[in-house]
Amino acid sequence: MAVEDAGVGIDVTKAARLFDAFFTTKPGGMGMGLSISRSIIERHGGRLWATPNPTHGTTFHFTLPVDEHDVVSAVGAATETIGVGVR
């Protein structure tokens, strides 16, 4: 999944610290949001990273592993709920 913004982007001199706890570029910011987000995603076996957009802004990407059994169960439950076949 990716979330793209159209802001000013990330200063390359600060990019390495972007996910550090207590690092912020905002006045009055706590610097915890990205650090906590990365911790949660990694705890679930995923990955969170950021890339600069070509003109301005940043795209934040994350991946999470998929348990095939859970996907099959969810599709089966949805099929029973709405009463249609899945091909």
PDB file of N, CA and C in Angstrom:
ATOM      1  N   MET A   1       0.847  -1.144   0.000  1.00  0.00           N
ATOM      2  CA  MET A   1       0.000   0.000   0.000  1.00  0.00           C
ATOM      3  C   MET A   1       0.901   1.218   0.000  1.00  0.00           C
ATOM      4  N   ALA A   2       0.437   2.280  -0.615  1.00  0.00           N
ATOM      5  CA  ALA A   2       1.206   3.523  -0.644  1.00  0.00           C
ATOM      6  C   ALA A   2       0.274   4.707  -0.406  1.00  0.00           C
ATOM      7  N   VAL A   3       0.787   5.692   0.318  1.00  0.00           N
ATOM      8  CA  VAL A   3       0.059   6.928   0.577  1.00  0.00           C
ATOM      9  C   VAL A   3       0.964   8.068   0.122  1.00  0.00           C
ATOM     10  N   GLU A   4       0.454   8.863  -0.798  1.00  0.00           N
ATOM     11  CA  GLU A   4       1.247   9.940  -1.377  1.00  0.00           C
ATOM     12  C   GLU A   4       0.725  11.290  -0.917  1.00  0.00           C
ATOM     13  N   ASP A   5       1.643  12.209  -0.592  1.00  0.00           N
ATOM     14  CA  ASP A   5       1.217  13.564  -0.270  1.00  0.00           C
ATOM     15  C   ASP A   5       1.824  14.529  -1.279  1.00  0.00           C
ATOM     16  N   ALA A   6       1.360  15.736  -1.261  1.00  0.00           N
ATOM     17  CA  ALA A   6       1.834  16.750  -2.205  1.00  0.00           C
ATOM     18  C   ALA A   6       2.463  17.921  -1.471  1.00  0.00           C
ATOM     19  N   GLY A   7       3.034  17.648  -0.310  1.00  0.00           N
ATOM     20  CA  GLY A   7       3.659  18.706   0.481  1.00  0.00           C
ATOM     21  C   GLY A   7       5.026  19.089  -0.060  1.00  0.00           C
ATOM     22  N   VAL A   8       5.830  19.673   0.805  1.00  0.00           N
ATOM     23  CA  VAL A   8       7.153  20.145   0.394  1.00  0.00           C
ATOM     24  C   VAL A   8       8.165  19.017   0.250  1.00  0.00           C
ATOM     25  N   GLY A   9       7.858  17.856   0.774  1.00  0.00           N
ATOM     26  CA  GLY A   9       8.782  16.729   0.690  1.00  0.00           C
ATOM     27  C   GLY A   9       9.677  16.646   1.910  1.00  0.00           C
ATOM     28  N   ILE A  10      10.625  15.726   1.836  1.00  0.00           N
ATOM     29  CA  ILE A  10      11.529  15.475   2.956  1.00  0.00           C
ATOM     30  C   ILE A  10      12.899  16.027   2.608  1.00  0.00           C
ATOM     31  N   ASP A  11      13.439  16.801   3.512  1.00  0.00           N
ATOM     32  CA  ASP A  11      14.800  17.311   3.364  1.00  0.00           C
ATOM     33  C   ASP A  11      15.761  16.117   3.373  1.00  0.00           C
ATOM     34  N   VAL A  12      16.580  15.973   2.338  1.00  0.00           N
ATOM     35  CA  VAL A  12      17.470  14.815   2.234  1.00  0.00           C
ATOM     36  C   VAL A  12      18.449  14.726   3.406  1.00  0.00           C
ATOM     37  N   THR A  13      18.749  15.846   4.033  1.00  0.00           N
ATOM     38  CA  THR A  13      19.658  15.814   5.183  1.00  0.00           C
ATOM     39  C   THR A  13      18.972  15.258   6.434  1.00  0.00           C
ATOM     40  N   LYS A  14      17.649  15.157   6.408  1.00  0.00           N
ATOM     41  CA  LYS A  14      16.896  14.654   7.559  1.00  0.00           C
ATOM     42  C   LYS A  14      16.234  13.304   7.286  1.00  0.00           C
ATOM     43  N   ALA A  15      16.318  12.824   6.064  1.00  0.00           N
ATOM     44  CA  ALA A  15      15.619  11.598   5.664  1.00  0.00           C
ATOM     45  C   ALA A  15      16.036  10.384   6.487  1.00  0.00           C
ATOM     46  N   ALA A  16      17.294  10.286   6.843  1.00  0.00           N
ATOM     47  CA  ALA A  16      17.776   9.124   7.596  1.00  0.00           C
ATOM     48  C   ALA A  16      17.158   9.035   8.991  1.00  0.00           C
ATOM     49  N   ARG A  17      16.695  10.157   9.520  1.00  0.00           N
ATOM     50  CA  ARG A  17      16.129  10.190  10.874  1.00  0.00           C
ATOM     51  C   ARG A  17      14.607  10.158  10.876  1.00  0.00           C
ATOM     52  N   LEU A  18      13.995  10.092   9.727  1.00  0.00           N
ATOM     53  CA  LEU A  18      12.546  10.230   9.573  1.00  0.00           C
ATOM     54  C   LEU A  18      11.738   9.320  10.503  1.00  0.00           C
ATOM     55  N   PHE A  19      12.198   8.090  10.718  1.00  0.00           N
ATOM     56  CA  PHE A  19      11.453   7.132  11.533  1.00  0.00           C
ATOM     57  C   PHE A  19      12.003   7.010  12.957  1.00  0.00           C
ATOM     58  N   ASP A  20      12.950   7.880  13.321  1.00  0.00           N
ATOM     59  CA  ASP A  20      13.503   7.869  14.680  1.00  0.00           C
ATOM     60  C   ASP A  20      12.479   8.432  15.671  1.00  0.00           C
ATOM     61  N   ALA A  21      12.409   7.794  16.825  1.00  0.00           N
ATOM     62  CA  ALA A  21      11.529   8.304  17.884  1.00  0.00           C
ATOM     63  C   ALA A  21      11.979   9.695  18.299  1.00  0.00           C
ATOM     64  N   PHE A  22      11.029  10.574  18.490  1.00  0.00           N
ATOM     65  CA  PHE A  22      11.212  11.956  18.937  1.00  0.00           C
ATOM     66  C   PHE A  22      11.818  12.882  17.887  1.00  0.00           C
ATOM     67  N   PHE A  23      12.003  12.400  16.663  1.00  0.00           N
ATOM     68  CA  PHE A  23      12.476  13.289  15.599  1.00  0.00           C
ATOM     69  C   PHE A  23      11.264  13.935  14.941  1.00  0.00           C
ATOM     70  N   THR A  24      11.283  15.251  14.838  1.00  0.00           N
ATOM     71  CA  THR A  24      10.174  15.962  14.209  1.00  0.00           C
ATOM     72  C   THR A  24      10.691  17.181  13.461  1.00  0.00           C
ATOM     73  N   THR A  25       9.958  17.565  12.460  1.00  0.00           N
ATOM     74  CA  THR A  25      10.257  18.798  11.731  1.00  0.00           C
ATOM     75  C   THR A  25       9.167  19.834  11.985  1.00  0.00           C
ATOM     76  N   LYS A  26       8.182  19.458  12.793  1.00  0.00           N
ATOM     77  CA  LYS A  26       7.045  20.342  13.064  1.00  0.00           C
ATOM     78  C   LYS A  26       7.212  21.053  14.400  1.00  0.00           C
ATOM     79  N   PRO A  27       6.949  22.345  14.434  1.00  0.00           N
ATOM     80  CA  PRO A  27       6.962  23.036  15.727  1.00  0.00           C
ATOM     81  C   PRO A  27       5.903  22.410  16.641  1.00  0.00           C
ATOM     82  N   GLY A  28       6.314  22.016  17.802  1.00  0.00           N
ATOM     83  CA  GLY A  28       5.371  21.413  18.743  1.00  0.00           C
ATOM     84  C   GLY A  28       5.083  19.949  18.464  1.00  0.00           C
ATOM     85  N   GLY A  29       5.723  19.363  17.463  1.00  0.00           N
ATOM     86  CA  GLY A  29       5.499  17.955  17.148  1.00  0.00           C
ATOM     87  C   GLY A  29       6.180  17.058  18.166  1.00  0.00           C
ATOM     88  N   MET A  30       5.632  15.869  18.354  1.00  0.00           N
ATOM     89  CA  MET A  30       6.229  14.926  19.299  1.00  0.00           C
ATOM     90  C   MET A  30       7.231  13.996  18.632  1.00  0.00           C
ATOM     91  N   GLY A  31       7.101  13.802  17.329  1.00  0.00           N
ATOM     92  CA  GLY A  31       8.029  12.920  16.641  1.00  0.00           C
ATOM     93  C   GLY A  31       7.815  11.451  16.932  1.00  0.00           C
ATOM     94  N   MET A  32       6.584  11.070  17.201  1.00  0.00           N
ATOM     95  CA  MET A  32       6.302   9.675  17.543  1.00  0.00           C
ATOM     96  C   MET A  32       5.497   8.935  16.480  1.00  0.00           C
ATOM     97  N   GLY A  33       4.773   9.646  15.631  1.00  0.00           N
ATOM     98  CA  GLY A  33       3.844   9.008  14.701  1.00  0.00           C
ATOM     99  C   GLY A  33       4.478   7.994  13.772  1.00  0.00           C
ATOM    100  N   LEU A  34       5.522   8.394  13.050  1.00  0.00           N
ATOM    101  CA  LEU A  34       6.151   7.472  12.103  1.00  0.00           C
ATOM    102  C   LEU A  34       6.905   6.361  12.814  1.00  0.00           C
ATOM    103  N   SER A  35       7.507   6.674  13.951  1.00  0.00           N
ATOM    104  CA  SER A  35       8.215   5.663  14.721  1.00  0.00           C
ATOM    105  C   SER A  35       7.256   4.579  15.223  1.00  0.00           C
ATOM    106  N   ILE A  36       6.131   4.997  15.761  1.00  0.00           N
ATOM    107  CA  ILE A  36       5.127   4.039  16.243  1.00  0.00           C
ATOM    108  C   ILE A  36       4.545   3.244  15.083  1.00  0.00           C
ATOM    109  N   SER A  37       4.253   3.923  13.985  1.00  0.00           N
ATOM    110  CA  SER A  37       3.704   3.233  12.818  1.00  0.00           C
ATOM    111  C   SER A  37       4.650   2.151  12.331  1.00  0.00           C
ATOM    112  N   ARG A  38       5.935   2.487  12.219  1.00  0.00           N
ATOM    113  CA  ARG A  38       6.908   1.498  11.759  1.00  0.00           C
ATOM    114  C   ARG A  38       6.995   0.329  12.740  1.00  0.00           C
ATOM    115  N   SER A  39       6.981   0.605  14.038  1.00  0.00           N
ATOM    116  CA  SER A  39       7.052  -0.472  15.043  1.00  0.00           C
ATOM    117  C   SER A  39       5.878  -1.429  14.922  1.00  0.00           C
ATOM    118  N   ILE A  40       4.688  -0.889  14.743  1.00  0.00           N
ATOM    119  CA  ILE A  40       3.489  -1.733  14.616  1.00  0.00           C
ATOM    120  C   ILE A  40       3.574  -2.585  13.359  1.00  0.00           C
ATOM    121  N   ILE A  41       3.923  -1.969  12.252  1.00  0.00           N
ATOM    122  CA  ILE A  41       3.999  -2.702  10.982  1.00  0.00           C
ATOM    123  C   ILE A  41       5.075  -3.776  11.050  1.00  0.00           C
ATOM    124  N   GLU A  42       6.250  -3.450  11.579  1.00  0.00           N
ATOM    125  CA  GLU A  42       7.318  -4.445  11.686  1.00  0.00           C
ATOM    126  C   GLU A  42       6.958  -5.570  12.645  1.00  0.00           C
ATOM    127  N   ARG A  43       6.236  -5.260  13.706  1.00  0.00           N
ATOM    128  CA  ARG A  43       5.815  -6.301  14.646  1.00  0.00           C
ATOM    129  C   ARG A  43       4.899  -7.327  13.974  1.00  0.00           C
ATOM    130  N   HIS A  44       4.212  -6.890  12.930  1.00  0.00           N
ATOM    131  CA  HIS A  44       3.338  -7.787  12.171  1.00  0.00           C
ATOM    132  C   HIS A  44       4.038  -8.363  10.943  1.00  0.00           C
ATOM    133  N   GLY A  45       5.359  -8.230  10.887  1.00  0.00           N
ATOM    134  CA  GLY A  45       6.129  -8.834   9.801  1.00  0.00           C
ATOM    135  C   GLY A  45       6.191  -7.990   8.539  1.00  0.00           C
ATOM    136  N   GLY A  46       5.823  -6.730   8.629  1.00  0.00           N
ATOM    137  CA  GLY A  46       5.806  -5.868   7.450  1.00  0.00           C
ATOM    138  C   GLY A  46       6.971  -4.904   7.410  1.00  0.00           C
ATOM    139  N   ARG A  47       6.864  -3.976   6.494  1.00  0.00           N
ATOM    140  CA  ARG A  47       7.920  -2.986   6.270  1.00  0.00           C
ATOM    141  C   ARG A  47       7.277  -1.643   5.948  1.00  0.00           C
ATOM    142  N   LEU A  48       7.857  -0.546   6.446  1.00  0.00           N
ATOM    143  CA  LEU A  48       7.385   0.818   6.182  1.00  0.00           C
ATOM    144  C   LEU A  48       8.576   1.649   5.739  1.00  0.00           C
ATOM    145  N   TRP A  49       8.429   2.373   4.619  1.00  0.00           N
ATOM    146  CA  TRP A  49       9.496   3.233   4.132  1.00  0.00           C
ATOM    147  C   TRP A  49       8.904   4.404   3.368  1.00  0.00           C
ATOM    148  N   ALA A  50       9.746   5.392   3.096  1.00  0.00           N
ATOM    149  CA  ALA A  50       9.310   6.594   2.387  1.00  0.00           C
ATOM    150  C   ALA A  50      10.212   6.833   1.179  1.00  0.00           C
ATOM    151  N   THR A  51       9.611   7.368   0.119  1.00  0.00           N
ATOM    152  CA  THR A  51      10.380   7.748  -1.067  1.00  0.00           C
ATOM    153  C   THR A  51       9.944   9.143  -1.495  1.00  0.00           C
ATOM    154  N   PRO A  52      10.885   9.933  -2.012  1.00  0.00           N
ATOM    155  CA  PRO A  52      10.508  11.268  -2.491  1.00  0.00           C
ATOM    156  C   PRO A  52       9.744  11.163  -3.806  1.00  0.00           C
ATOM    157  N   ASN A  53       8.785  12.037  -4.001  1.00  0.00           N
ATOM    158  CA  ASN A  53       8.071  12.111  -5.279  1.00  0.00           C
ATOM    159  C   ASN A  53       8.937  12.893  -6.268  1.00  0.00           C
ATOM    160  N   PRO A  54       8.740  12.672  -7.567  1.00  0.00           N
ATOM    161  CA  PRO A  54       9.578  13.335  -8.570  1.00  0.00           C
ATOM    162  C   PRO A  54       9.557  14.862  -8.507  1.00  0.00           C
ATOM    163  N   THR A  55       8.415  15.461  -8.232  1.00  0.00           N
ATOM    164  CA  THR A  55       8.347  16.923  -8.238  1.00  0.00           C
ATOM    165  C   THR A  55       8.276  17.511  -6.835  1.00  0.00           C
ATOM    166  N   HIS A  56       7.396  17.016  -6.002  1.00  0.00           N
ATOM    167  CA  HIS A  56       7.284  17.479  -4.619  1.00  0.00           C
ATOM    168  C   HIS A  56       6.489  16.455  -3.825  1.00  0.00           C
ATOM    169  N   GLY A  57       6.650  16.502  -2.526  1.00  0.00           N
ATOM    170  CA  GLY A  57       5.929  15.570  -1.669  1.00  0.00           C
ATOM    171  C   GLY A  57       6.677  14.268  -1.457  1.00  0.00           C
ATOM    172  N   THR A  58       6.041  13.384  -0.744  1.00  0.00           N
ATOM    173  CA  THR A  58       6.629  12.104  -0.342  1.00  0.00           C
ATOM    174  C   THR A  58       5.577  11.013  -0.470  1.00  0.00           C
ATOM    175  N   THR A  59       6.018   9.816  -0.776  1.00  0.00           N
ATOM    176  CA  THR A  59       5.131   8.658  -0.760  1.00  0.00           C
ATOM    177  C   THR A  59       5.610   7.716   0.338  1.00  0.00           C
ATOM    178  N   PHE A  60       4.693   7.356   1.225  1.00  0.00           N
ATOM    179  CA  PHE A  60       4.972   6.382   2.274  1.00  0.00           C
ATOM    180  C   PHE A  60       4.393   5.053   1.824  1.00  0.00           C
ATOM    181  N   HIS A  61       5.210   4.017   1.896  1.00  0.00           N
ATOM    182  CA  HIS A  61       4.829   2.671   1.451  1.00  0.00           C
ATOM    183  C   HIS A  61       4.849   1.734   2.647  1.00  0.00           C
ATOM    184  N   PHE A  62       3.944   0.774   2.646  1.00  0.00           N
ATOM    185  CA  PHE A  62       4.078  -0.293   3.626  1.00  0.00           C
ATOM    186  C   PHE A  62       3.581  -1.596   3.046  1.00  0.00           C
ATOM    187  N   THR A  63       4.158  -2.668   3.538  1.00  0.00           N
ATOM    188  CA  THR A  63       3.747  -4.013   3.157  1.00  0.00           C
ATOM    189  C   THR A  63       3.471  -4.803   4.425  1.00  0.00           C
ATOM    190  N   LEU A  64       2.572  -5.751   4.323  1.00  0.00           N
ATOM    191  CA  LEU A  64       2.285  -6.693   5.394  1.00  0.00           C
ATOM    192  C   LEU A  64       2.158  -8.071   4.781  1.00  0.00           C
ATOM    193  N   PRO A  65       2.625  -9.101   5.471  1.00  0.00           N
ATOM    194  CA  PRO A  65       2.476 -10.450   4.923  1.00  0.00           C
ATOM    195  C   PRO A  65       1.011 -10.876   4.931  1.00  0.00           C
ATOM    196  N   VAL A  66       0.670 -11.745   4.020  1.00  0.00           N
ATOM    197  CA  VAL A  66      -0.697 -12.249   3.914  1.00  0.00           C
ATOM    198  C   VAL A  66      -0.688 -13.726   4.278  1.00  0.00           C
ATOM    199  N   ASP A  67      -1.583 -14.094   5.152  1.00  0.00           N
ATOM    200  CA  ASP A  67      -1.769 -15.500   5.502  1.00  0.00           C
ATOM    201  C   ASP A  67      -2.816 -16.050   4.551  1.00  0.00           C
ATOM    202  N   GLU A  68      -2.404 -16.962   3.683  1.00  0.00           N
ATOM    203  CA  GLU A  68      -3.300 -17.492   2.658  1.00  0.00           C
ATOM    204  C   GLU A  68      -4.568 -18.092   3.259  1.00  0.00           C
ATOM    205  N   HIS A  69      -4.469 -18.761   4.389  1.00  0.00           N
ATOM    206  CA  HIS A  69      -5.638 -19.355   5.038  1.00  0.00           C
ATOM    207  C   HIS A  69      -6.649 -18.282   5.417  1.00  0.00           C
ATOM    208  N   ASP A  70      -6.170 -17.148   5.943  1.00  0.00           N
ATOM    209  CA  ASP A  70      -7.063 -16.055   6.342  1.00  0.00           C
ATOM    210  C   ASP A  70      -7.771 -15.461   5.133  1.00  0.00           C
ATOM    211  N   VAL A  71      -7.068 -15.344   4.015  1.00  0.00           N
ATOM    212  CA  VAL A  71      -7.676 -14.793   2.799  1.00  0.00           C
ATOM    213  C   VAL A  71      -8.776 -15.710   2.306  1.00  0.00           C
ATOM    214  N   VAL A  72      -8.504 -17.003   2.253  1.00  0.00           N
ATOM    215  CA  VAL A  72      -9.507 -17.973   1.799  1.00  0.00           C
ATOM    216  C   VAL A  72     -10.709 -17.951   2.727  1.00  0.00           C
ATOM    217  N   SER A  73     -10.497 -17.885   4.037  1.00  0.00           N
ATOM    218  CA  SER A  73     -11.600 -17.842   4.999  1.00  0.00           C
ATOM    219  C   SER A  73     -12.438 -16.580   4.825  1.00  0.00           C
ATOM    220  N   ALA A  74     -11.782 -15.439   4.623  1.00  0.00           N
ATOM    221  CA  ALA A  74     -12.502 -14.171   4.458  1.00  0.00           C
ATOM    222  C   ALA A  74     -13.334 -14.179   3.186  1.00  0.00           C
ATOM    223  N   VAL A  75     -12.795 -14.706   2.106  1.00  0.00           N
ATOM    224  CA  VAL A  75     -13.549 -14.767   0.850  1.00  0.00           C
ATOM    225  C   VAL A  75     -14.741 -15.705   1.007  1.00  0.00           C
ATOM    226  N   GLY A  76     -14.537 -16.826   1.676  1.00  0.00           N
ATOM    227  CA  GLY A  76     -15.634 -17.758   1.901  1.00  0.00           C
ATOM    228  C   GLY A  76     -16.740 -17.142   2.739  1.00  0.00           C
ATOM    229  N   ALA A  77     -16.373 -16.420   3.793  1.00  0.00           N
ATOM    230  CA  ALA A  77     -17.368 -15.776   4.653  1.00  0.00           C
ATOM    231  C   ALA A  77     -18.122 -14.699   3.891  1.00  0.00           C
ATOM    232  N   ALA A  78     -17.427 -13.927   3.080  1.00  0.00           N
ATOM    233  CA  ALA A  78     -18.074 -12.874   2.291  1.00  0.00           C
ATOM    234  C   ALA A  78     -19.027 -13.485   1.277  1.00  0.00           C
ATOM    235  N   THR A  79     -18.628 -14.590   0.696  1.00  0.00           N
ATOM    236  CA  THR A  79     -19.480 -15.254  -0.293  1.00  0.00           C
ATOM    237  C   THR A  79     -20.774 -15.737   0.352  1.00  0.00           C
ATOM    238  N   GLU A  80     -20.666 -16.302   1.536  1.00  0.00           N
ATOM    239  CA  GLU A  80     -21.861 -16.781   2.233  1.00  0.00           C
ATOM    240  C   GLU A  80     -22.768 -15.616   2.624  1.00  0.00           C
ATOM    241  N   THR A  81     -22.179 -14.496   3.010  1.00  0.00           N
ATOM    242  CA  THR A  81     -22.936 -13.336   3.456  1.00  0.00           C
ATOM    243  C   THR A  81     -23.746 -12.719   2.327  1.00  0.00           C
ATOM    244  N   ILE A  82     -23.118 -12.570   1.144  1.00  0.00           N
ATOM    245  CA  ILE A  82     -23.824 -11.910   0.039  1.00  0.00           C
ATOM    246  C   ILE A  82     -24.477 -12.902  -0.910  1.00  0.00           C
ATOM    247  N   GLY A  83     -24.197 -14.198  -0.718  1.00  0.00           N
ATOM    248  CA  GLY A  83     -24.883 -15.220  -1.487  1.00  0.00           C
ATOM    249  C   GLY A  83     -24.507 -15.305  -2.955  1.00  0.00           C
ATOM    250  N   VAL A  84     -23.244 -15.079  -3.280  1.00  0.00           N
ATOM    251  CA  VAL A  84     -22.792 -15.223  -4.675  1.00  0.00           C
ATOM    252  C   VAL A  84     -21.592 -16.138  -4.717  1.00  0.00           C
ATOM    253  N   GLY A  85     -21.349 -16.682  -5.878  1.00  0.00           N
ATOM    254  CA  GLY A  85     -20.196 -17.557  -6.074  1.00  0.00           C
ATOM    255  C   GLY A  85     -18.945 -16.740  -6.372  1.00  0.00           C
ATOM    256  N   VAL A  86     -17.822 -17.325  -6.027  1.00  0.00           N
ATOM    257  CA  VAL A  86     -16.524 -16.705  -6.314  1.00  0.00           C
ATOM    258  C   VAL A  86     -15.779 -17.606  -7.270  1.00  0.00           C
ATOM    259  N   ARG A  87     -15.249 -17.027  -8.311  1.00  0.00           N
ATOM    260  CA  ARG A  87     -14.483 -17.839  -9.271  1.00  0.00           C
ATOM    261  C   ARG A  87     -13.035 -17.548  -9.166  1.00  0.00           C
TER     262      ARG A  87
END
